[in-house]
Amino acid sequence: MNKQDLLNGGYKHICTQNSKSKMELWAKFIGCRDTIVYLYYIPETDIALEQTRKTISYTQLDMLAQMRDKLQSDFVRLDIEFDKENIWH
């Protein structure tokens, strides 16, 4: 699957990794309740990595966002080390 296939399939670009490969995250609702399917795409080769395809419910995604928000001040305060090559924007 290439970028045009993702667009034709209803996927939306979500974010891009700051790594050398500039890997992208793409996602869409699949029509089964609140289920989202997402996968990674490599622009350099114009190939979506089918083996990375995963599903998550919107409610679970919302729960994880709330967890991130509530832990953010601890993350900054504790100066927790993280992989700076694995930032998504």
Protein backbone atom coordinates (compact mmCIF):
# COMPACT_ATOMS: atom_id res chain seq x y z
CA MET A 1 0.00 0.00 0.00
CA ASN A 2 1.39 3.40 -0.96
CA LYS A 3 0.39 6.94 0.09
CA GLN A 4 -2.31 7.23 -2.57
CA ASP A 5 -3.79 3.90 -1.40
CA LEU A 6 -3.89 5.27 2.16
CA LEU A 7 -5.69 8.42 1.00
CA ASN A 8 -8.09 6.44 -1.20
CA GLY A 9 -8.76 4.09 1.73
CA GLY A 10 -9.86 6.95 3.96
CA TYR A 11 -6.74 7.12 6.13
CA LYS A 12 -5.63 10.46 7.58
CA HIS A 13 -2.07 11.53 8.31
CA ILE A 14 -1.73 11.85 12.08
CA CYS A 15 1.91 12.76 12.75
CA THR A 16 5.50 12.36 11.57
CA GLN A 17 8.48 11.04 13.50
CA ASN A 18 11.55 13.27 13.77
CA SER A 19 13.84 10.38 12.83
CA LYS A 20 15.96 10.17 9.67
CA SER A 21 13.28 8.10 7.91
CA LYS A 22 10.47 10.58 8.78
CA MET A 23 8.10 7.65 9.41
CA GLU A 24 4.44 8.70 9.48
CA LEU A 25 1.44 7.48 11.44
CA TRP A 26 -1.84 7.14 9.51
CA ALA A 27 -5.26 6.19 10.93
CA LYS A 28 -8.96 5.91 10.18
CA PHE A 29 -12.22 4.77 11.75
CA ILE A 30 -13.20 1.37 10.37
CA GLY A 31 -16.97 1.56 10.81
CA CYS A 32 -17.26 -0.93 13.64
CA ARG A 33 -18.42 1.14 16.63
CA ASP A 34 -15.54 3.37 17.72
CA THR A 35 -12.69 1.24 16.33
CA ILE A 36 -9.66 2.92 14.77
CA VAL A 37 -7.08 1.16 12.62
CA TYR A 38 -3.61 2.66 12.36
CA LEU A 39 -0.33 1.86 10.68
CA TYR A 40 3.04 3.34 9.83
CA TYR A 41 4.10 4.65 6.41
CA ILE A 42 7.65 5.29 5.13
CA PRO A 43 7.66 8.26 2.71
CA GLU A 44 11.18 7.47 1.50
CA THR A 45 9.97 4.20 -0.05
CA ASP A 46 6.26 5.13 -0.44
CA ILE A 47 5.24 1.96 1.41
CA ALA A 48 2.82 1.47 4.30
CA LEU A 49 4.13 -1.13 6.73
CA GLU A 50 1.20 -3.58 6.77
CA GLN A 51 2.79 -5.61 9.58
CA THR A 52 2.40 -2.57 11.87
CA ARG A 53 -1.40 -2.42 11.40
CA LYS A 54 -3.15 -2.28 14.78
CA THR A 55 -6.58 -1.39 16.08
CA ILE A 56 -7.65 0.58 19.12
CA SER A 57 -10.99 1.89 20.30
CA TYR A 58 -11.52 5.63 20.43
CA THR A 59 -12.43 5.33 24.13
CA GLN A 60 -9.15 3.53 24.88
CA LEU A 61 -7.25 6.17 22.89
CA ASP A 62 -8.99 8.87 24.91
CA MET A 63 -8.06 7.09 28.16
CA LEU A 64 -4.38 6.99 27.10
CA ALA A 65 -4.48 10.71 26.23
CA GLN A 66 -5.87 11.46 29.70
CA MET A 67 -3.12 9.37 31.28
CA ARG A 68 -0.50 11.30 29.28
CA ASP A 69 -1.99 14.62 30.32
CA LYS A 70 -2.11 13.72 34.02
CA LEU A 71 1.47 12.39 34.04
CA GLN A 72 2.95 15.23 31.98
CA SER A 73 3.91 17.40 34.96
CA ASP A 74 5.66 14.42 36.62
CA PHE A 75 7.47 13.68 33.36
CA VAL A 76 8.86 17.22 33.27
CA ARG A 77 9.45 17.52 37.03
CA LEU A 78 11.32 14.22 37.25
CA ASP A 79 13.28 14.97 34.07
CA ILE A 80 12.62 11.46 32.77
CA GLU A 81 15.03 10.36 30.06
CA PHE A 82 13.48 9.51 26.69
CA ASP A 83 14.53 8.68 23.16
CA LYS A 84 14.79 12.06 21.43
CA GLU A 85 14.89 10.30 18.03
CA ASN A 86 11.40 8.95 18.68
CA ILE A 87 9.38 12.17 18.90
CA TRP A 88 6.23 12.54 16.85
CA HIS A 89 4.84 15.85 15.63
